[in-house]
Amino acid sequence: MNDFLKMAKLDFLSIKPQLLSYLAVIPAVLIFGITSKAIAIILFSFTVAWYEALSVTNIFMIQEKNGLDRLYNSLSINLNDIVLGRYIFVLFTYIITYIITISLFAIIIGFSNINGLIILIGFSLSLLYFSVITGIQFPICFKIGYTKAKVWHTILFFSMLLAILPLISVFSDVTQWVQSNQYIAIIISLFSCCMIQFVSYRISLVSYSKRI
């Protein structure tokens, strides 16, 4: 097994006791499950992304609280694998949580009311939203640690909410465009996710190397 996969597994074991808290997003399933409209699925997807982005930084808190940097050094895991493993772990956690919650959503509203393509659109857009938030969060955490980064996290989340508020008035128009250009929306979203995560990973790698 490659070292970055070992690092991802180590992150999983470190945060395992808190994983059930990620499913606190389930109430959103019940709320949005009232309707099977495409806009509800997309809003639900954004809710999952927002909550997961808020939760995943817990791994940095655990790392700092328990002095895991020393453990990483003792295992001879290089910086590249530590950072890459962290990004893989977070992405994997997000995908699993999304699959679980969207499955519950499908059960609530009935599988016959589920449009697979709309689900894919919702996933790609929420993954983009998730990537933007974590893409900003992670370099900060790797550079200054979780404790010092908490203030910046608060500013970031409020900023992301404020950035979305102006879009609410035109959200239905955006949704209509997405529905009319479904495959283009998916491709643009996934490509943007890859670019954001790659740039964020490179910045995190440089930041972490200067910190330790």
C-alpha atoms as a PDB file:
ATOM      1  CA  MET A   1       0.000   0.000   0.000  1.00  0.00           C
ATOM      2  CA  ASN A   2       1.310   3.465  -0.891  1.00  0.00           C
ATOM      3  CA  ASP A   3       2.224   5.737   1.993  1.00  0.00           C
ATOM      4  CA  PHE A   4      -0.438   8.311   1.134  1.00  0.00           C
ATOM      5  CA  LEU A   5      -3.088   5.580   1.431  1.00  0.00           C
ATOM      6  CA  LYS A   6      -1.603   4.580   4.785  1.00  0.00           C
ATOM      7  CA  MET A   7      -1.896   8.214   5.819  1.00  0.00           C
ATOM      8  CA  ALA A   8      -5.538   8.325   4.719  1.00  0.00           C
ATOM      9  CA  LYS A   9      -6.192   5.172   6.754  1.00  0.00           C
ATOM     10  CA  LEU A  10      -4.443   6.717   9.752  1.00  0.00           C
ATOM     11  CA  ASP A  11      -6.683   9.792   9.458  1.00  0.00           C
ATOM     12  CA  PHE A  12      -9.709   7.502   9.388  1.00  0.00           C
ATOM     13  CA  LEU A  13      -8.602   5.698  12.535  1.00  0.00           C
ATOM     14  CA  SER A  14      -7.844   9.013  14.241  1.00  0.00           C
ATOM     15  CA  ILE A  15     -11.285  10.487  13.596  1.00  0.00           C
ATOM     16  CA  LYS A  16     -13.291   7.246  13.703  1.00  0.00           C
ATOM     17  CA  PRO A  17     -14.988   8.042  17.068  1.00  0.00           C
ATOM     18  CA  GLN A  18     -16.414  11.250  15.547  1.00  0.00           C
ATOM     19  CA  LEU A  19     -17.582   9.860  12.210  1.00  0.00           C
ATOM     20  CA  LEU A  20     -21.174   9.361  13.336  1.00  0.00           C
ATOM     21  CA  SER A  21     -21.423  13.092  14.021  1.00  0.00           C
ATOM     22  CA  TYR A  22     -21.077  13.644  10.266  1.00  0.00           C
ATOM     23  CA  LEU A  23     -24.515  12.105   9.841  1.00  0.00           C
ATOM     24  CA  ALA A  24     -26.048  15.017  11.766  1.00  0.00           C
ATOM     25  CA  VAL A  25     -26.815  16.241   8.249  1.00  0.00           C
ATOM     26  CA  ILE A  26     -29.629  13.654   8.124  1.00  0.00           C
ATOM     27  CA  PRO A  27     -32.262  16.153   9.390  1.00  0.00           C
ATOM     28  CA  ALA A  28     -31.666  17.973   6.095  1.00  0.00           C
ATOM     29  CA  VAL A  29     -32.720  14.765   4.366  1.00  0.00           C
ATOM     30  CA  LEU A  30     -36.046  14.871   6.189  1.00  0.00           C
ATOM     31  CA  ILE A  31     -36.576  18.563   5.404  1.00  0.00           C
ATOM     32  CA  PHE A  32     -35.767  18.397   1.703  1.00  0.00           C
ATOM     33  CA  GLY A  33     -37.367  14.963   1.371  1.00  0.00           C
ATOM     34  CA  ILE A  34     -40.789  16.624   1.438  1.00  0.00           C
ATOM     35  CA  THR A  35     -40.457  17.309  -2.271  1.00  0.00           C
ATOM     36  CA  SER A  36     -38.685  15.601  -5.144  1.00  0.00           C
ATOM     37  CA  LYS A  37     -38.161  18.769  -7.165  1.00  0.00           C
ATOM     38  CA  ALA A  38     -34.740  19.248  -8.747  1.00  0.00           C
ATOM     39  CA  ILE A  39     -34.160  22.458  -6.789  1.00  0.00           C
ATOM     40  CA  ALA A  40     -34.706  20.551  -3.519  1.00  0.00           C
ATOM     41  CA  ILE A  41     -32.111  17.954  -4.502  1.00  0.00           C
ATOM     42  CA  ILE A  42     -29.577  20.663  -5.358  1.00  0.00           C
ATOM     43  CA  LEU A  43     -30.249  22.589  -2.135  1.00  0.00           C
ATOM     44  CA  PHE A  44     -29.935  19.353  -0.181  1.00  0.00           C
ATOM     45  CA  SER A  45     -26.613  18.652  -1.899  1.00  0.00           C
ATOM     46  CA  PHE A  46     -25.277  22.075  -0.953  1.00  0.00           C
ATOM     47  CA  THR A  47     -26.359  21.476   2.657  1.00  0.00           C
ATOM     48  CA  VAL A  48     -24.372  18.239   2.770  1.00  0.00           C
ATOM     49  CA  ALA A  49     -21.331  20.001   1.306  1.00  0.00           C
ATOM     50  CA  TRP A  50     -21.531  22.892   3.778  1.00  0.00           C
ATOM     51  CA  TYR A  51     -21.876  20.636   6.819  1.00  0.00           C
ATOM     52  CA  GLU A  52     -19.139  18.271   5.713  1.00  0.00           C
ATOM     53  CA  ALA A  53     -16.753  21.165   5.057  1.00  0.00           C
ATOM     54  CA  LEU A  54     -17.503  22.366   8.580  1.00  0.00           C
ATOM     55  CA  SER A  55     -16.813  18.931  10.063  1.00  0.00           C
ATOM     56  CA  VAL A  56     -13.725  17.697   8.233  1.00  0.00           C
ATOM     57  CA  THR A  57     -11.355  20.154   9.925  1.00  0.00           C
ATOM     58  CA  ASN A  58     -11.821  18.081  13.092  1.00  0.00           C
ATOM     59  CA  ILE A  59      -8.954  15.921  11.856  1.00  0.00           C
ATOM     60  CA  PHE A  60      -6.636  18.914  12.217  1.00  0.00           C
ATOM     61  CA  MET A  61      -7.920  19.463  15.757  1.00  0.00           C
ATOM     62  CA  ILE A  62      -7.180  15.818  16.629  1.00  0.00           C
ATOM     63  CA  GLN A  63      -3.766  16.061  14.984  1.00  0.00           C
ATOM     64  CA  GLU A  64      -2.856  19.141  17.033  1.00  0.00           C
ATOM     65  CA  LYS A  65      -4.424  17.998  20.314  1.00  0.00           C
ATOM     66  CA  ASN A  66      -2.679  14.622  20.285  1.00  0.00           C
ATOM     67  CA  GLY A  67       0.617  15.751  18.779  1.00  0.00           C
ATOM     68  CA  LEU A  68       0.262  13.430  15.805  1.00  0.00           C
ATOM     69  CA  ASP A  69       3.054  15.184  13.916  1.00  0.00           C
ATOM     70  CA  ARG A  70       5.501  13.183  16.046  1.00  0.00           C
ATOM     71  CA  LEU A  71       3.661   9.980  15.139  1.00  0.00           C
ATOM     72  CA  TYR A  72       3.845  10.820  11.448  1.00  0.00           C
ATOM     73  CA  ASN A  73       7.607  11.373  11.749  1.00  0.00           C
ATOM     74  CA  SER A  74       8.071   8.087  13.610  1.00  0.00           C
ATOM     75  CA  LEU A  75       6.311   6.252  10.788  1.00  0.00           C
ATOM     76  CA  SER A  76       8.659   7.825   8.253  1.00  0.00           C
ATOM     77  CA  ILE A  77       5.784   9.208   6.204  1.00  0.00           C
ATOM     78  CA  ASN A  78       7.037  12.054   4.030  1.00  0.00           C
ATOM     79  CA  LEU A  79       5.310  15.418   3.814  1.00  0.00           C
ATOM     80  CA  ASN A  80       3.879  14.771   0.369  1.00  0.00           C
ATOM     81  CA  ASP A  81       2.123  11.604   1.543  1.00  0.00           C
ATOM     82  CA  ILE A  82       0.829  13.273   4.719  1.00  0.00           C
ATOM     83  CA  VAL A  83      -0.790  16.103   2.791  1.00  0.00           C
ATOM     84  CA  LEU A  84      -2.012  13.956  -0.117  1.00  0.00           C
ATOM     85  CA  GLY A  85      -3.389  11.346   2.297  1.00  0.00           C
ATOM     86  CA  ARG A  86      -5.316  14.051   4.143  1.00  0.00           C
ATOM     87  CA  TYR A  87      -6.947  15.268   0.923  1.00  0.00           C
ATOM     88  CA  ILE A  88      -7.845  11.724  -0.139  1.00  0.00           C
ATOM     89  CA  PHE A  89      -9.319  10.936   3.275  1.00  0.00           C
ATOM     90  CA  VAL A  90     -11.485  14.065   3.260  1.00  0.00           C
ATOM     91  CA  LEU A  91     -12.710  13.446  -0.297  1.00  0.00           C
ATOM     92  CA  PHE A  92     -13.513   9.809   0.505  1.00  0.00           C
ATOM     93  CA  THR A  93     -15.383  10.841   3.674  1.00  0.00           C
ATOM     94  CA  TYR A  94     -17.432  13.385   1.748  1.00  0.00           C
ATOM     95  CA  ILE A  95     -18.376  10.920  -1.004  1.00  0.00           C
ATOM     96  CA  ILE A  96     -19.414   8.218   1.490  1.00  0.00           C
ATOM     97  CA  THR A  97     -21.513  10.677   3.502  1.00  0.00           C
ATOM     98  CA  TYR A  98     -23.173  11.955   0.331  1.00  0.00           C
ATOM     99  CA  ILE A  99     -23.986   8.431  -0.844  1.00  0.00           C
ATOM    100  CA  ILE A 100     -25.518   7.522   2.535  1.00  0.00           C
ATOM    101  CA  THR A 101     -27.603  10.679   2.821  1.00  0.00           C
ATOM    102  CA  ILE A 102     -28.772  10.719  -0.809  1.00  0.00           C
ATOM    103  CA  SER A 103     -29.806   7.062  -0.411  1.00  0.00           C
ATOM    104  CA  LEU A 104     -31.928   8.018   2.599  1.00  0.00           C
ATOM    105  CA  PHE A 105     -33.314  10.913   0.558  1.00  0.00           C
ATOM    106  CA  ALA A 106     -34.297   8.469  -2.206  1.00  0.00           C
ATOM    107  CA  ILE A 107     -35.989   6.170   0.294  1.00  0.00           C
ATOM    108  CA  ILE A 108     -38.013   9.041   1.764  1.00  0.00           C
ATOM    109  CA  ILE A 109     -39.295  10.461  -1.529  1.00  0.00           C
ATOM    110  CA  GLY A 110     -39.446   7.147  -3.350  1.00  0.00           C
ATOM    111  CA  PHE A 111     -36.983   5.788  -5.889  1.00  0.00           C
ATOM    112  CA  SER A 112     -39.458   6.352  -8.711  1.00  0.00           C
ATOM    113  CA  ASN A 113     -39.201  10.114  -8.093  1.00  0.00           C
ATOM    114  CA  ILE A 114     -35.416  10.134  -8.346  1.00  0.00           C
ATOM    115  CA  ASN A 115     -33.766  11.492 -11.482  1.00  0.00           C
ATOM    116  CA  GLY A 116     -30.289  10.010 -11.649  1.00  0.00           C
ATOM    117  CA  LEU A 117     -28.921  12.833 -13.773  1.00  0.00           C
ATOM    118  CA  ILE A 118     -30.206  15.489 -11.354  1.00  0.00           C
ATOM    119  CA  ILE A 119     -28.539  13.581  -8.504  1.00  0.00           C
ATOM    120  CA  LEU A 120     -25.279  13.633 -10.446  1.00  0.00           C
ATOM    121  CA  ILE A 121     -25.658  17.363 -11.080  1.00  0.00           C
ATOM    122  CA  GLY A 122     -26.380  17.976  -7.402  1.00  0.00           C
ATOM    123  CA  PHE A 123     -23.334  15.928  -6.437  1.00  0.00           C
ATOM    124  CA  SER A 124     -21.002  17.714  -8.857  1.00  0.00           C
ATOM    125  CA  LEU A 125     -22.186  21.177  -7.779  1.00  0.00           C
ATOM    126  CA  SER A 126     -21.986  20.336  -4.077  1.00  0.00           C
ATOM    127  CA  LEU A 127     -18.536  18.822  -4.595  1.00  0.00           C
ATOM    128  CA  LEU A 128     -17.480  22.098  -6.204  1.00  0.00           C
ATOM    129  CA  TYR A 129     -18.836  24.050  -3.228  1.00  0.00           C
ATOM    130  CA  PHE A 130     -17.117  21.623  -0.841  1.00  0.00           C
ATOM    131  CA  SER A 131     -13.851  21.939  -2.782  1.00  0.00           C
ATOM    132  CA  VAL A 132     -13.905  25.733  -2.640  1.00  0.00           C
ATOM    133  CA  ILE A 133     -14.342  25.765   1.142  1.00  0.00           C
ATOM    134  CA  THR A 134     -11.839  23.012   1.943  1.00  0.00           C
ATOM    135  CA  GLY A 135      -9.497  24.329  -0.734  1.00  0.00           C
ATOM    136  CA  ILE A 136      -9.211  27.519   1.327  1.00  0.00           C
ATOM    137  CA  GLN A 137      -9.366  25.856   4.748  1.00  0.00           C
ATOM    138  CA  PHE A 138      -6.663  23.241   4.365  1.00  0.00           C
ATOM    139  CA  PRO A 139      -3.685  25.434   3.407  1.00  0.00           C
ATOM    140  CA  ILE A 140      -4.491  27.642   6.410  1.00  0.00           C
ATOM    141  CA  CYS A 141      -4.665  24.628   8.773  1.00  0.00           C
ATOM    142  CA  PHE A 142      -1.439  23.172   7.416  1.00  0.00           C
ATOM    143  CA  LYS A 143       0.307  26.529   7.733  1.00  0.00           C
ATOM    144  CA  ILE A 144      -0.724  27.736  11.205  1.00  0.00           C
ATOM    145  CA  GLY A 145      -2.510  24.791  12.848  1.00  0.00           C
ATOM    146  CA  TYR A 146      -6.135  24.266  13.847  1.00  0.00           C
ATOM    147  CA  THR A 147      -6.239  26.528  16.922  1.00  0.00           C
ATOM    148  CA  LYS A 148      -4.902  29.617  15.157  1.00  0.00           C
ATOM    149  CA  ALA A 149      -6.998  28.858  12.089  1.00  0.00           C
ATOM    150  CA  LYS A 150     -10.366  28.743  13.935  1.00  0.00           C
ATOM    151  CA  VAL A 151     -10.922  32.478  13.546  1.00  0.00           C
ATOM    152  CA  TRP A 152     -10.208  32.252   9.824  1.00  0.00           C
ATOM    153  CA  HIS A 153     -12.611  29.306   9.552  1.00  0.00           C
ATOM    154  CA  THR A 154     -15.393  31.376  11.115  1.00  0.00           C
ATOM    155  CA  ILE A 155     -14.719  34.247   8.719  1.00  0.00           C
ATOM    156  CA  LEU A 156     -14.646  31.825   5.780  1.00  0.00           C
ATOM    157  CA  PHE A 157     -17.972  30.169   6.584  1.00  0.00           C
ATOM    158  CA  PHE A 158     -19.763  33.453   7.142  1.00  0.00           C
ATOM    159  CA  SER A 159     -18.253  34.761   3.910  1.00  0.00           C
ATOM    160  CA  MET A 160     -19.451  31.702   1.991  1.00  0.00           C
ATOM    161  CA  LEU A 161     -22.955  32.142   3.379  1.00  0.00           C
ATOM    162  CA  LEU A 162     -22.967  35.851   2.511  1.00  0.00           C
ATOM    163  CA  ALA A 163     -21.697  35.004  -0.969  1.00  0.00           C
ATOM    164  CA  ILE A 164     -24.649  32.667  -1.516  1.00  0.00           C
ATOM    165  CA  LEU A 165     -27.368  35.015  -0.202  1.00  0.00           C
ATOM    166  CA  PRO A 166     -27.338  37.284  -3.290  1.00  0.00           C
ATOM    167  CA  LEU A 167     -27.780  34.198  -5.451  1.00  0.00           C
ATOM    168  CA  ILE A 168     -30.985  33.078  -3.741  1.00  0.00           C
ATOM    169  CA  SER A 169     -33.079  35.543  -5.746  1.00  0.00           C
ATOM    170  CA  VAL A 170     -31.777  34.088  -8.997  1.00  0.00           C
ATOM    171  CA  PHE A 171     -31.394  30.503  -7.783  1.00  0.00           C
ATOM    172  CA  SER A 172     -34.357  29.263  -9.790  1.00  0.00           C
ATOM    173  CA  ASP A 173     -32.872  30.817 -12.947  1.00  0.00           C
ATOM    174  CA  VAL A 174     -29.517  29.180 -12.223  1.00  0.00           C
ATOM    175  CA  THR A 175     -31.270  25.847 -11.648  1.00  0.00           C
ATOM    176  CA  GLN A 176     -33.091  26.176 -14.966  1.00  0.00           C
ATOM    177  CA  TRP A 177     -29.797  26.871 -16.744  1.00  0.00           C
ATOM    178  CA  VAL A 178     -28.224  23.840 -15.091  1.00  0.00           C
ATOM    179  CA  GLN A 179     -31.159  21.654 -16.110  1.00  0.00           C
ATOM    180  CA  SER A 180     -30.889  22.955 -19.687  1.00  0.00           C
ATOM    181  CA  ASN A 181     -27.118  22.386 -19.792  1.00  0.00           C
ATOM    182  CA  GLN A 182     -26.793  19.345 -17.567  1.00  0.00           C
ATOM    183  CA  TYR A 183     -23.701  17.703 -19.003  1.00  0.00           C
ATOM    184  CA  ILE A 184     -21.881  21.026 -19.377  1.00  0.00           C
ATOM    185  CA  ALA A 185     -22.638  21.844 -15.717  1.00  0.00           C
ATOM    186  CA  ILE A 186     -21.305  18.468 -14.577  1.00  0.00           C
ATOM    187  CA  ILE A 187     -18.107  18.717 -16.646  1.00  0.00           C
ATOM    188  CA  ILE A 188     -17.378  22.309 -15.566  1.00  0.00           C
ATOM    189  CA  SER A 189     -18.030  21.478 -11.910  1.00  0.00           C
ATOM    190  CA  LEU A 190     -15.837  18.369 -11.830  1.00  0.00           C
ATOM    191  CA  PHE A 191     -13.019  20.035 -13.776  1.00  0.00           C
ATOM    192  CA  SER A 192     -13.120  23.035 -11.437  1.00  0.00           C
ATOM    193  CA  CYS A 193     -13.046  20.697  -8.422  1.00  0.00           C
ATOM    194  CA  CYS A 194      -9.915  18.989  -9.697  1.00  0.00           C
ATOM    195  CA  MET A 195      -8.152  22.283 -10.366  1.00  0.00           C
ATOM    196  CA  ILE A 196      -9.096  23.783  -6.993  1.00  0.00           C
ATOM    197  CA  GLN A 197      -8.031  20.701  -5.061  1.00  0.00           C
ATOM    198  CA  PHE A 198      -4.749  20.403  -6.960  1.00  0.00           C
ATOM    199  CA  VAL A 199      -3.823  24.051  -6.356  1.00  0.00           C
ATOM    200  CA  SER A 200      -4.906  23.781  -2.708  1.00  0.00           C
ATOM    201  CA  TYR A 201      -2.841  20.600  -2.261  1.00  0.00           C
ATOM    202  CA  ARG A 202       0.281  22.252  -3.682  1.00  0.00           C
ATOM    203  CA  ILE A 203      -0.147  25.284  -1.429  1.00  0.00           C
ATOM    204  CA  SER A 204      -0.746  23.033   1.606  1.00  0.00           C
ATOM    205  CA  LEU A 205       2.388  21.053   0.825  1.00  0.00           C
ATOM    206  CA  VAL A 206       4.530  24.176   0.727  1.00  0.00           C
ATOM    207  CA  SER A 207       2.848  25.625   3.834  1.00  0.00           C
ATOM    208  CA  TYR A 208       3.282  22.425   5.875  1.00  0.00           C
ATOM    209  CA  SER A 209       6.932  22.031   4.866  1.00  0.00           C
ATOM    210  CA  LYS A 210       7.673  25.530   6.176  1.00  0.00           C
ATOM    211  CA  ARG A 211       5.799  24.931   9.424  1.00  0.00           C
ATOM    212  CA  ILE A 212       7.536  21.750  10.629  1.00  0.00           C
END
